[in-house]
């Protein structure tokens, strides 16, 4: 699978880190699904690739007995993370050149990270390398159908086009994992409980807390934000059910 970044505005993740925690939090439901079927003990090592400000890293670490390590390429994200998770080792580096020895980890996961990577195949190969034999890997991502179902796609149609260029198809992810050498590659879709969107969602969009809003033109963003504000002003009931896909694979 050859995956190219969408040809639009680049994202400054150090800049995004300044507002990230005000619009994003760890998600217990996502963490619950990440850990389904995973057996770990106090001697197990777990790696969160693209941990950001460590919201899900911290939540997952509090749920299991294993030792958890976080990695992110953004200094700004890690600076924020270190203020919250002094007990969790955090490392700066790219997913395409993981600074760990072969077979280090028993479980690796990444949450909404794959579409940010400039070389997906190289990153997946690196994850295969650092996994111990018998280790497992979980990717949390979204299918193109799930992208179309986002509330942001309704108000910012350009964001859906951008993200369908950035996000590889689920079948393409599975093909890449198989070619790299992973076994028992599978996926499961999950539709989260509907939530009523309120001021928190409007604040998230206003602060461009979703990365794809940094990649659309200003006029497209302004038009969508005005439409969203108008919907809130009219008292429209914005009920949204997020969908995610969990792709799993194992190293023999």
Protein backbone atom coordinates (compact mmCIF):
# COMPACT_ATOMS: atom_id res chain seq x y z
CA UNK A 1 0.00 0.00 0.00
CA UNK A 2 1.46 3.34 -1.01
CA UNK A 3 -0.11 6.10 1.05
CA UNK A 4 0.52 9.77 0.40
CA UNK A 5 -0.42 12.68 2.60
CA UNK A 6 -3.30 14.81 1.40
CA UNK A 7 -1.98 17.71 -0.65
CA UNK A 8 -3.23 20.50 1.55
CA UNK A 9 -2.11 22.51 4.55
CA UNK A 10 0.42 20.79 6.79
CA UNK A 11 -0.23 20.49 10.52
CA UNK A 12 2.05 21.98 13.17
CA UNK A 13 1.55 19.46 16.00
CA UNK A 14 3.58 21.52 18.45
CA UNK A 15 1.08 24.33 17.84
CA UNK A 16 -1.89 21.94 18.11
CA UNK A 17 -0.54 20.75 21.47
CA UNK A 18 -1.31 24.16 22.99
CA UNK A 19 -5.07 23.51 22.75
CA UNK A 20 -5.12 19.72 22.50
CA UNK A 21 -5.98 18.96 26.12
CA UNK A 22 -8.77 21.52 26.17
CA UNK A 23 -10.58 19.70 23.35
CA UNK A 24 -9.47 16.08 23.64
CA UNK A 25 -9.55 13.62 26.53
CA UNK A 26 -8.83 9.94 27.06
CA UNK A 27 -11.72 7.73 25.96
CA UNK A 28 -12.53 4.79 28.29
CA UNK A 29 -14.69 3.14 25.64
CA UNK A 30 -11.84 3.17 23.10
CA UNK A 31 -9.39 1.84 25.70
CA UNK A 32 -11.84 -0.93 26.63
CA UNK A 33 -11.98 -2.08 23.01
CA UNK A 34 -8.20 -1.78 22.54
CA UNK A 35 -7.67 -4.20 25.42
CA UNK A 36 -10.28 -6.76 24.40
CA UNK A 37 -8.68 -10.18 24.14
CA UNK A 38 -5.28 -8.91 25.32
CA UNK A 39 -3.52 -10.82 28.11
CA UNK A 40 -0.81 -8.86 29.95
CA UNK A 41 1.03 -9.23 33.25
CA UNK A 42 3.31 -6.98 35.36
CA UNK A 43 6.31 -8.07 33.24
CA UNK A 44 4.66 -7.09 29.94
CA UNK A 45 5.75 -3.98 28.03
CA UNK A 46 3.20 -1.92 26.09
CA UNK A 47 3.94 0.84 23.55
CA UNK A 48 1.57 3.66 22.59
CA UNK A 49 2.76 4.93 19.20
CA UNK A 50 1.73 8.55 18.62
CA UNK A 51 0.69 9.06 22.23
CA UNK A 52 0.14 12.83 21.87
CA UNK A 53 -0.38 14.35 25.30
CA UNK A 54 -0.79 10.83 26.74
CA UNK A 55 -4.52 10.97 27.48
CA UNK A 56 -5.22 7.40 26.36
CA UNK A 57 -1.73 6.31 27.47
CA UNK A 58 -2.49 7.31 31.02
CA UNK A 59 -5.98 5.81 30.93
CA UNK A 60 -4.74 2.49 29.58
CA UNK A 61 -1.85 2.38 32.08
CA UNK A 62 -4.33 2.80 34.94
CA UNK A 63 -6.35 -0.16 33.62
CA UNK A 64 -3.62 -2.80 33.30
CA UNK A 65 -0.70 -4.06 35.38
CA UNK A 66 1.83 -3.95 32.53
CA UNK A 67 4.42 -1.20 32.04
CA UNK A 68 3.35 1.33 29.41
CA UNK A 69 5.68 3.49 27.29
CA UNK A 70 4.58 6.42 25.12
CA UNK A 71 6.17 7.71 21.91
CA UNK A 72 5.42 10.80 19.86
CA UNK A 73 7.33 12.86 17.31
CA UNK A 74 6.04 16.20 18.63
CA UNK A 75 8.06 17.88 21.37
CA UNK A 76 5.06 20.07 22.24
CA UNK A 77 2.78 17.08 22.74
CA UNK A 78 5.32 15.29 24.93
CA UNK A 79 5.99 18.41 26.97
CA UNK A 80 2.30 18.48 27.87
CA UNK A 81 2.27 14.73 28.49
CA UNK A 82 5.21 14.82 30.90
CA UNK A 83 3.36 17.23 33.17
CA UNK A 84 0.59 14.65 33.61
CA UNK A 85 2.31 11.26 33.55
CA UNK A 86 5.63 11.48 35.35
CA UNK A 87 5.42 7.76 36.08
CA UNK A 88 5.13 6.76 32.38
CA UNK A 89 8.33 6.76 30.26
CA UNK A 90 7.89 9.00 27.20
CA UNK A 91 10.18 9.05 24.17
CA UNK A 92 10.40 11.46 21.27
CA UNK A 93 10.84 9.87 17.86
CA UNK A 94 9.15 8.97 14.57
CA UNK A 95 7.07 5.85 14.10
CA UNK A 96 9.18 5.07 11.02
CA UNK A 97 12.36 4.64 13.13
CA UNK A 98 11.34 3.43 16.58
CA UNK A 99 14.18 3.90 19.10
CA UNK A 100 13.72 0.47 20.67
CA UNK A 101 15.48 -2.87 20.28
CA UNK A 102 13.94 -5.79 18.41
CA UNK A 103 11.24 -7.74 20.23
CA UNK A 104 10.90 -5.22 23.08
CA UNK A 105 7.12 -5.05 23.44
CA UNK A 106 4.33 -7.52 24.08
CA UNK A 107 1.58 -5.18 22.90
CA UNK A 108 1.63 -2.08 20.68
CA UNK A 109 -1.31 0.19 19.92
CA UNK A 110 -1.96 3.44 18.08
CA UNK A 111 -5.11 5.52 18.39
CA UNK A 112 -6.07 7.71 15.43
CA UNK A 113 -2.43 7.98 14.36
CA UNK A 114 -2.05 6.02 11.12
CA UNK A 115 -3.34 8.81 8.89
CA UNK A 116 -0.72 11.21 10.28
CA UNK A 117 2.22 9.06 9.19
CA UNK A 118 4.16 9.99 6.03
CA UNK A 119 5.31 6.37 5.45
CA UNK A 120 2.75 3.91 6.76
CA UNK A 121 4.50 0.77 5.53
CA UNK A 122 7.76 1.74 7.19
CA UNK A 123 5.97 2.47 10.48
CA UNK A 124 4.13 -0.86 10.40
CA UNK A 125 7.41 -2.65 9.66
CA UNK A 126 9.01 -0.95 12.65
CA UNK A 127 6.14 -2.00 14.90
CA UNK A 128 6.55 -5.58 13.67
CA UNK A 129 10.27 -5.36 14.50
CA UNK A 130 9.81 -4.16 18.09
CA UNK A 131 7.05 -6.66 18.86
CA UNK A 132 8.10 -9.81 20.69
CA UNK A 133 7.12 -13.16 19.12
CA UNK A 134 3.50 -13.77 20.09
CA UNK A 135 2.96 -10.05 20.61
CA UNK A 136 -0.10 -8.24 19.32
CA UNK A 137 -0.87 -4.91 17.68
CA UNK A 138 -4.05 -2.81 17.58
CA UNK A 139 -4.76 0.10 15.25
CA UNK A 140 -7.69 2.39 16.05
CA UNK A 141 -8.80 4.18 12.90
CA UNK A 142 -11.88 5.01 10.83
CA UNK A 143 -13.19 3.60 7.58
CA UNK A 144 -14.19 5.94 4.79
CA UNK A 145 -17.84 5.24 5.60
CA UNK A 146 -17.24 6.22 9.21
CA UNK A 147 -15.56 9.44 8.06
CA UNK A 148 -18.65 10.29 5.99
CA UNK A 149 -20.76 9.76 9.12
CA UNK A 150 -18.94 12.35 11.22
CA UNK A 151 -20.74 15.48 12.30
CA UNK A 152 -17.75 17.49 11.05
CA UNK A 153 -18.29 16.00 7.59
CA UNK A 154 -21.79 17.50 7.54
CA UNK A 155 -20.61 21.02 8.35
CA UNK A 156 -17.16 20.82 6.76
CA UNK A 157 -17.53 18.59 3.66
CA UNK A 158 -13.98 19.42 2.57
CA UNK A 159 -12.69 17.79 5.77
CA UNK A 160 -14.19 14.45 4.70
CA UNK A 161 -12.47 14.67 1.31
CA UNK A 162 -9.17 15.51 2.98
CA UNK A 163 -9.41 12.66 5.45
CA UNK A 164 -10.41 10.07 2.87
CA UNK A 165 -7.11 10.94 1.16
CA UNK A 166 -5.20 10.65 4.45
CA UNK A 167 -6.90 7.56 5.89
CA UNK A 168 -6.05 4.31 4.09
CA UNK A 169 -8.89 1.89 3.40
CA UNK A 170 -9.27 -0.83 6.03
CA UNK A 171 -8.59 -3.51 3.40
CA UNK A 172 -5.36 -1.72 2.40
CA UNK A 173 -4.22 -1.63 6.04
CA UNK A 174 -4.89 -5.35 6.39
CA UNK A 175 -3.05 -6.13 3.14
CA UNK A 176 -0.01 -4.16 4.32
CA UNK A 177 0.04 -5.91 7.70
CA UNK A 178 -0.12 -9.31 6.00
CA UNK A 179 2.68 -8.48 3.54
CA UNK A 180 4.90 -7.26 6.38
CA UNK A 181 4.50 -10.61 8.13
CA UNK A 182 1.73 -10.14 10.67
CA UNK A 183 -0.67 -13.04 11.15
CA UNK A 184 -4.32 -13.37 12.19
CA UNK A 185 -5.09 -9.92 10.79
CA UNK A 186 -8.69 -8.91 11.48
CA UNK A 187 -10.89 -5.90 12.06
CA UNK A 188 -13.98 -5.01 14.04
CA UNK A 189 -16.16 -1.94 13.66
CA UNK A 190 -17.77 -0.34 16.66
CA UNK A 191 -20.46 2.31 16.83
CA UNK A 192 -20.31 4.29 20.05
CA UNK A 193 -23.35 5.33 22.06
CA UNK A 194 -24.96 8.47 20.65
CA UNK A 195 -24.06 11.71 22.38
CA UNK A 196 -25.74 15.08 22.23
CA UNK A 197 -23.25 17.65 21.02
CA UNK A 198 -23.12 20.88 22.96
CA UNK A 199 -20.79 23.73 23.81
CA UNK A 200 -17.80 21.39 24.22
CA UNK A 201 -18.12 20.31 20.60
CA UNK A 202 -18.49 23.90 19.40
CA UNK A 203 -15.39 24.85 21.41
CA UNK A 204 -13.45 21.94 19.89
CA UNK A 205 -14.32 23.04 16.37
CA UNK A 206 -13.67 26.70 17.17
CA UNK A 207 -10.19 25.78 18.45
CA UNK A 208 -9.62 23.47 15.47
CA UNK A 209 -9.13 20.59 17.84
CA UNK A 210 -9.62 18.13 14.95
CA UNK A 211 -6.53 17.86 12.79
CA UNK A 212 -8.38 17.82 9.46
CA UNK A 213 -9.73 21.32 10.17
CA UNK A 214 -6.13 22.53 9.83
CA UNK A 215 -5.98 21.08 6.33
CA UNK A 216 -8.96 22.78 4.69
CA UNK A 217 -9.07 26.29 3.25
CA UNK A 218 -9.94 29.16 5.58
CA UNK A 219 -13.09 30.01 3.65
CA UNK A 220 -14.29 26.39 3.92
CA UNK A 221 -13.59 26.39 7.64
CA UNK A 222 -15.29 29.75 8.22
CA UNK A 223 -18.37 28.69 6.23
CA UNK A 224 -18.70 25.47 8.21
CA UNK A 225 -18.18 27.17 11.56
CA UNK A 226 -20.87 29.73 10.75
CA UNK A 227 -23.28 26.94 9.75
CA UNK A 228 -22.53 25.06 12.97
CA UNK A 229 -23.09 28.17 15.09
CA UNK A 230 -26.38 28.77 13.27
CA UNK A 231 -27.52 25.21 14.02
CA UNK A 232 -26.81 25.73 17.73
CA UNK A 233 -28.54 29.12 17.67
CA UNK A 234 -31.69 27.50 16.21
CA UNK A 235 -31.63 24.89 18.98
CA UNK A 236 -31.05 22.00 16.59
CA UNK A 237 -30.60 18.69 18.40
CA UNK A 238 -27.17 17.50 17.18
CA UNK A 239 -27.04 13.83 18.10
CA UNK A 240 -23.90 12.01 17.00
CA UNK A 241 -22.67 8.43 17.24
CA UNK A 242 -18.96 8.07 16.48
CA UNK A 243 -17.73 4.99 14.63
CA UNK A 244 -14.26 3.43 14.90
CA UNK A 245 -12.54 0.43 13.40
CA UNK A 246 -10.14 -1.70 15.45
CA UNK A 247 -7.61 -3.56 13.30
CA UNK A 248 -5.69 -6.34 15.08
CA UNK A 249 -2.64 -8.32 14.07
CA UNK A 250 -0.10 -10.63 15.71
CA UNK A 251 3.57 -11.43 15.34
CA UNK A 252 4.36 -15.16 15.20
